[in-house]
Protein backbone atom coordinates (compact mmCIF):
# COMPACT_ATOMS: atom_id res chain seq x y z
CA UNK A 1 -69.59 -56.61 -65.61
CA UNK A 2 -72.29 -56.88 -62.96
CA UNK A 3 -71.30 -59.49 -60.37
CA UNK A 4 -67.69 -59.94 -59.29
CA UNK A 5 -66.41 -62.84 -57.18
CA UNK A 6 -63.35 -61.95 -55.08
CA UNK A 7 -61.28 -64.80 -53.62
CA UNK A 8 -58.95 -64.16 -50.70
CA UNK A 9 -61.43 -61.56 -49.53
CA UNK A 10 -60.31 -61.51 -45.89
CA UNK A 11 -56.64 -60.95 -46.70
CA UNK A 12 -54.70 -57.72 -46.64
CA UNK A 13 -55.37 -56.92 -50.30
CA UNK A 14 -58.89 -58.30 -50.23
CA UNK A 15 -59.72 -55.86 -47.44
CA UNK A 16 -58.70 -53.01 -49.73
CA UNK A 17 -60.28 -54.36 -52.92
CA UNK A 18 -63.76 -55.04 -51.55
CA UNK A 19 -64.67 -51.46 -50.57
CA UNK A 20 -63.27 -50.12 -53.85
CA UNK A 21 -65.41 -52.47 -55.93
CA UNK A 22 -68.52 -51.98 -53.82
CA UNK A 23 -67.97 -48.22 -53.85
CA UNK A 24 -67.84 -48.36 -57.65
CA UNK A 25 -71.35 -49.80 -57.68
CA UNK A 26 -70.42 -53.38 -58.50
CA UNK A 27 -72.28 -56.36 -57.08
CA UNK A 28 -69.53 -58.10 -55.12
CA UNK A 29 -69.43 -61.65 -53.81
CA UNK A 30 -66.60 -62.24 -51.34
CA UNK A 31 -65.21 -65.74 -50.83
CA UNK A 32 -63.34 -66.82 -47.73
CA UNK A 33 -62.31 -70.17 -46.33
CA UNK A 34 -64.47 -69.88 -43.20
CA UNK A 35 -67.99 -68.56 -42.59
CA UNK A 36 -67.78 -64.82 -42.18
CA UNK A 37 -69.06 -63.31 -38.90
CA UNK A 38 -71.20 -60.72 -40.65
CA UNK A 39 -74.52 -62.46 -40.06
CA UNK A 40 -76.59 -65.21 -41.56
CA UNK A 41 -76.57 -63.81 -45.08
CA UNK A 42 -73.01 -62.48 -45.00
CA UNK A 43 -71.31 -65.58 -43.69
CA UNK A 44 -73.55 -68.46 -44.59
CA UNK A 45 -71.67 -71.44 -45.98
CA UNK A 46 -72.82 -72.92 -49.25
CA UNK A 47 -73.87 -76.57 -49.21
CA UNK A 48 -70.81 -78.81 -49.05
CA UNK A 49 -68.41 -76.00 -48.27
CA UNK A 50 -65.64 -76.72 -45.79
CA UNK A 51 -63.02 -74.57 -44.20
CA UNK A 52 -59.65 -74.65 -45.91
CA UNK A 53 -56.89 -72.13 -46.21
CA UNK A 54 -55.99 -69.14 -48.35
CA UNK A 55 -54.88 -65.56 -47.82
CA UNK A 56 -54.42 -62.49 -49.91
CA UNK A 57 -51.89 -63.00 -52.68
CA UNK A 58 -48.36 -62.30 -51.61
CA UNK A 59 -49.15 -62.18 -47.89
CA UNK A 60 -50.48 -64.59 -45.32
CA UNK A 61 -51.81 -62.20 -42.70
CA UNK A 62 -55.56 -61.56 -42.43
CA UNK A 63 -56.75 -57.98 -42.58
CA UNK A 64 -59.55 -56.16 -40.81
CA UNK A 65 -62.91 -57.48 -41.96
CA UNK A 66 -63.50 -55.81 -45.28
CA UNK A 67 -67.07 -54.69 -44.72
CA UNK A 68 -65.94 -52.75 -41.63
CA UNK A 69 -63.94 -50.58 -44.02
CA UNK A 70 -66.83 -49.79 -46.35
CA UNK A 71 -68.03 -46.17 -46.35
CA UNK A 72 -71.02 -45.85 -44.03
CA UNK A 73 -72.96 -44.07 -46.76
CA UNK A 74 -72.65 -47.07 -49.02
CA UNK A 75 -75.32 -48.86 -47.03
CA UNK A 76 -74.38 -52.28 -48.33
CA UNK A 77 -71.49 -54.66 -48.45
CA UNK A 78 -70.45 -57.78 -50.30
CA UNK A 79 -72.28 -61.07 -50.22
CA UNK A 80 -70.10 -63.51 -48.30
CA UNK A 81 -69.70 -67.14 -49.34
CA UNK A 82 -67.47 -69.98 -48.21
CA UNK A 83 -65.17 -71.69 -50.71
CA UNK A 84 -62.12 -73.89 -50.18
CA UNK A 85 -59.45 -73.76 -52.87
CA UNK A 86 -57.57 -76.67 -51.32
CA UNK A 87 -60.48 -79.08 -51.79
CA UNK A 88 -62.69 -77.33 -54.33
CA UNK A 89 -65.65 -77.39 -51.94
CA UNK A 90 -67.98 -74.45 -52.49
CA UNK A 91 -66.27 -73.16 -55.64
CA UNK A 92 -69.09 -74.01 -58.06
CA UNK A 93 -71.63 -72.21 -55.87
CA UNK A 94 -69.28 -69.27 -55.39
CA UNK A 95 -68.86 -68.61 -59.12
CA UNK A 96 -72.49 -69.29 -60.06
CA UNK A 97 -73.94 -66.14 -61.59
CA UNK A 98 -70.63 -64.25 -61.55
CA UNK A 99 -69.32 -62.78 -64.78
CA UNK A 100 -65.94 -61.75 -63.38
CA UNK A 101 -63.51 -63.39 -60.93
CA UNK A 102 -60.82 -61.45 -59.08
CA UNK A 103 -58.48 -64.15 -57.80
CA UNK A 104 -56.46 -62.86 -54.84
CA UNK A 105 -56.31 -65.97 -52.66
CA UNK A 106 -52.97 -67.53 -51.86
CA UNK A 107 -51.25 -69.62 -49.18
CA UNK A 108 -47.63 -68.41 -49.18
CA UNK A 109 -44.69 -70.30 -47.72
CA UNK A 110 -46.63 -73.40 -46.64
CA UNK A 111 -44.80 -76.04 -48.66
CA UNK A 112 -47.04 -78.59 -50.34
CA UNK A 113 -50.11 -76.73 -49.09
CA UNK A 114 -49.05 -73.73 -51.15
CA UNK A 115 -49.15 -75.98 -54.22
CA UNK A 116 -52.60 -77.24 -53.28
CA UNK A 117 -54.03 -73.74 -52.91
CA UNK A 118 -52.07 -71.64 -55.41
CA UNK A 119 -51.70 -74.12 -58.26
CA UNK A 120 -54.26 -76.91 -57.83
CA UNK A 121 -56.78 -74.55 -56.24
CA UNK A 122 -56.41 -72.05 -59.06
CA UNK A 123 -57.06 -74.84 -61.54
CA UNK A 124 -60.20 -75.89 -59.65
CA UNK A 125 -61.42 -72.30 -59.53
CA UNK A 126 -60.86 -71.89 -63.26
CA UNK A 127 -62.73 -75.11 -64.01
CA UNK A 128 -65.68 -73.85 -61.97
CA UNK A 129 -65.48 -70.44 -63.66
CA UNK A 130 -65.46 -72.02 -67.10
CA UNK A 131 -68.53 -74.06 -66.21
CA UNK A 132 -70.29 -70.93 -64.98
CA UNK A 133 -69.53 -68.96 -68.14
CA UNK A 134 -67.33 -66.36 -66.43
CA UNK A 135 -66.16 -63.74 -68.92
CA UNK A 136 -63.05 -62.36 -67.20
CA UNK A 137 -60.56 -63.73 -64.68
CA UNK A 138 -58.22 -61.18 -63.12
CA UNK A 139 -55.40 -63.00 -61.35
CA UNK A 140 -53.12 -61.35 -58.80
CA UNK A 141 -49.49 -62.43 -59.00
CA UNK A 142 -46.10 -61.02 -57.96
CA UNK A 143 -43.38 -59.09 -59.78
CA UNK A 144 -40.41 -61.39 -60.33
CA UNK A 145 -42.19 -64.75 -60.39
CA UNK A 146 -40.52 -65.49 -63.71
CA UNK A 147 -37.05 -64.42 -62.55
CA UNK A 148 -36.66 -65.12 -58.83
CA UNK A 149 -35.72 -68.74 -57.92
CA UNK A 150 -37.94 -69.00 -54.86
CA UNK A 151 -40.37 -71.83 -54.19
CA UNK A 152 -43.39 -69.62 -53.55
CA UNK A 153 -42.65 -67.54 -56.64
CA UNK A 154 -42.41 -70.70 -58.73
CA UNK A 155 -45.84 -71.75 -57.48
CA UNK A 156 -47.26 -68.35 -58.43
CA UNK A 157 -45.75 -68.71 -61.91
CA UNK A 158 -47.40 -72.11 -62.32
CA UNK A 159 -50.68 -70.53 -61.23
CA UNK A 160 -50.23 -67.92 -63.98
CA UNK A 161 -49.85 -70.71 -66.52
CA UNK A 162 -53.11 -72.23 -65.31
CA UNK A 163 -54.84 -68.89 -65.90
CA UNK A 164 -53.36 -68.40 -69.37
CA UNK A 165 -54.27 -71.89 -70.57
CA UNK A 166 -57.74 -72.26 -69.02
CA UNK A 167 -59.62 -71.10 -72.10
CA UNK A 168 -61.09 -68.07 -70.32
CA UNK A 169 -60.52 -64.36 -71.01
CA UNK A 170 -57.89 -63.22 -68.52
CA UNK A 171 -55.71 -60.47 -67.11
CA UNK A 172 -52.71 -61.04 -64.83
CA UNK A 173 -51.60 -58.26 -62.49
CA UNK A 174 -48.17 -58.75 -60.95
CA UNK A 175 -47.86 -56.50 -57.91
CA UNK A 176 -44.77 -55.60 -55.94
CA UNK A 177 -44.44 -56.40 -52.24
CA UNK A 178 -47.01 -54.53 -50.17
CA UNK A 179 -45.89 -51.82 -47.75
CA UNK A 180 -47.40 -53.80 -44.90
CA UNK A 181 -45.35 -56.88 -45.74
CA UNK A 182 -42.11 -54.88 -45.68
CA UNK A 183 -43.21 -53.25 -42.42
CA UNK A 184 -43.91 -56.65 -40.86
CA UNK A 185 -40.54 -58.05 -41.99
CA UNK A 186 -38.61 -55.10 -40.59
CA UNK A 187 -40.61 -55.19 -37.34
CA UNK A 188 -39.60 -58.82 -36.91
CA UNK A 189 -35.96 -58.02 -37.68
CA UNK A 190 -35.98 -55.18 -35.14
CA UNK A 191 -36.41 -57.71 -32.34
CA UNK A 192 -32.75 -58.57 -32.88
CA UNK A 193 -29.84 -56.45 -31.57
CA UNK A 194 -28.94 -55.39 -35.14
CA UNK A 195 -30.82 -55.04 -38.42
CA UNK A 196 -29.23 -56.48 -41.55
CA UNK A 197 -29.51 -55.06 -45.07
CA UNK A 198 -27.96 -55.91 -48.42
CA UNK A 199 -27.60 -52.45 -49.94
CA UNK A 200 -27.45 -54.00 -53.41
CA UNK A 201 -31.00 -55.34 -53.04
CA UNK A 202 -33.73 -53.00 -54.24
CA UNK A 203 -37.42 -53.04 -53.51
CA UNK A 204 -40.38 -51.07 -54.83
CA UNK A 205 -43.17 -51.60 -52.32
CA UNK A 206 -46.72 -50.66 -53.22
CA UNK A 207 -49.75 -49.62 -51.21
CA UNK A 208 -52.71 -51.99 -51.19
CA UNK A 209 -55.05 -49.05 -51.82
CA UNK A 210 -53.18 -48.29 -55.05
CA UNK A 211 -53.37 -51.95 -56.08
CA UNK A 212 -57.09 -52.01 -55.35
CA UNK A 213 -57.67 -49.00 -57.61
CA UNK A 214 -55.62 -50.67 -60.34
CA UNK A 215 -57.72 -53.81 -60.03
CA UNK A 216 -60.85 -51.73 -60.58
CA UNK A 217 -59.31 -50.02 -63.63
CA UNK A 218 -58.37 -53.37 -65.17
CA UNK A 219 -61.84 -54.75 -64.57
CA UNK A 220 -63.36 -51.76 -66.32
CA UNK A 221 -60.95 -52.20 -69.24
CA UNK A 222 -61.93 -55.85 -69.72
CA UNK A 223 -59.71 -58.88 -70.29
CA UNK A 224 -56.39 -57.96 -71.88
CA UNK A 225 -54.85 -61.45 -72.11
CA UNK A 226 -51.65 -59.74 -70.96
CA UNK A 227 -49.44 -59.62 -67.89
CA UNK A 228 -49.10 -56.19 -66.26
CA UNK A 229 -46.63 -55.22 -63.55
CA UNK A 230 -47.59 -52.68 -60.90
CA UNK A 231 -45.36 -51.29 -58.15
CA UNK A 232 -44.92 -48.26 -55.94
CA UNK A 233 -43.65 -44.87 -57.10
CA UNK A 234 -40.05 -45.29 -55.93
CA UNK A 235 -37.29 -47.88 -55.90
CA UNK A 236 -35.50 -48.17 -52.56
CA UNK A 237 -32.23 -49.84 -51.66
CA UNK A 238 -32.89 -52.12 -48.71
CA UNK A 239 -30.59 -50.20 -46.37
CA UNK A 240 -32.55 -47.01 -47.13
CA UNK A 241 -35.84 -48.83 -46.53
CA UNK A 242 -34.49 -49.97 -43.16
CA UNK A 243 -33.44 -46.44 -42.22
CA UNK A 244 -36.80 -44.98 -43.26
CA UNK A 245 -38.50 -47.58 -41.13
CA UNK A 246 -36.24 -46.88 -38.14
CA UNK A 247 -36.90 -43.14 -38.30
CA UNK A 248 -40.66 -43.61 -38.52
CA UNK A 249 -40.82 -46.26 -35.81
CA UNK A 250 -38.28 -44.72 -33.44
CA UNK A 251 -36.17 -47.86 -33.56
CA UNK A 252 -32.48 -47.56 -32.75
CA UNK A 253 -30.55 -50.50 -34.12
CA UNK A 254 -27.23 -50.67 -35.92
CA UNK A 255 -27.66 -51.58 -39.60
CA UNK A 256 -25.29 -54.40 -40.48
CA UNK A 257 -24.25 -54.54 -44.16
CA UNK A 258 -24.65 -58.07 -45.51
CA UNK A 259 -24.59 -59.75 -48.89
CA UNK A 260 -27.35 -62.26 -49.53
CA UNK A 261 -25.79 -65.45 -50.90
CA UNK A 262 -26.65 -67.68 -53.82
CA UNK A 263 -29.05 -67.41 -56.72
CA UNK A 264 -31.71 -65.72 -54.60
CA UNK A 265 -29.35 -62.94 -53.57
CA UNK A 266 -28.24 -62.46 -57.17
CA UNK A 267 -31.86 -62.19 -58.33
CA UNK A 268 -32.68 -59.61 -55.68
CA UNK A 269 -29.58 -57.55 -56.49
CA UNK A 270 -30.47 -57.69 -60.19
CA UNK A 271 -33.61 -55.71 -59.44
CA UNK A 272 -36.04 -58.54 -60.13
CA UNK A 273 -38.44 -57.28 -57.43
CA UNK A 274 -38.80 -53.93 -59.23
CA UNK A 275 -40.25 -52.71 -62.51
CA UNK A 276 -40.16 -49.70 -64.82
CA UNK A 277 -43.77 -50.35 -65.84
CA UNK A 278 -46.31 -47.56 -65.75
CA UNK A 279 -48.75 -46.70 -64.35
CA UNK A 280 -47.40 -47.02 -60.83
CA UNK A 281 -48.78 -46.41 -57.36
CA UNK A 282 -48.73 -43.02 -55.69
CA UNK A 283 -48.05 -43.87 -52.03
CA UNK A 284 -44.38 -44.12 -51.04
CA UNK A 285 -43.07 -46.30 -48.23
CA UNK A 286 -42.41 -43.12 -46.21
CA UNK A 287 -46.03 -42.03 -46.79
CA UNK A 288 -47.27 -45.39 -45.55
CA UNK A 289 -45.06 -45.27 -42.46
CA UNK A 290 -46.20 -41.73 -41.62
CA UNK A 291 -49.87 -42.70 -41.61
CA UNK A 292 -49.50 -46.10 -39.93
CA UNK A 293 -49.22 -46.32 -36.11
CA UNK A 294 -46.23 -47.98 -34.52
CA UNK A 295 -46.86 -51.64 -33.72
């Protein structure tokens, strides 16, 4: 493993993965849908590349530019390239010379566009990787994609099938919801007079730094042709997650007990967003809240 292509490099998880891989001494190529503002070499578009869409898997919010988070002593960052999963433009150039692909890119909750990026785009990436002789594809997915009847989760499951049947050595890492995603959701809910929580729903949020370290460990181990689940160190009932968030953020809102309806509510109450798999992350939701400023 010498050169690693990372898709979804400007997303929340990508911003954590890049410095971990570079810090481990790997030669990292970071793909994003637009030219990166890091300079002529860092952000130069490949011939034929066009802007498209795609964010870190599981979340649609961009993160701080990854190279700004690299240790100053490292003295180097990733090579930035432009590639569009929705159209396939730039993918062949992005994978050329890479022996490993870390596929983080996703376009959650965007209807047909999610299909174009997460399913069709994954297929296009895999075709390019096969043509380039890539020896390992590590694909980031989500815990519960095979059990939760949600459109985005179904798209992620179809993307997994593309990975498993592409004829390339592979590893699939299903991560739990990131702390930042839960934080964002509760911040949005706190704009209302009350905050609602189904106490039967459990979550097991994970820190992106822990996921990034797990990605590195799986790359070092080589392709497993297996699906691994990875979550945070503790399972929280949603009402407890809300209360932890309120205490940390100084928010005073009544917590209204609700019961999520339908098949989605049943899946959440059945614990399908959690896992007993080990290893697990080390950073709890409370730890994350304590170190993260109020928004």
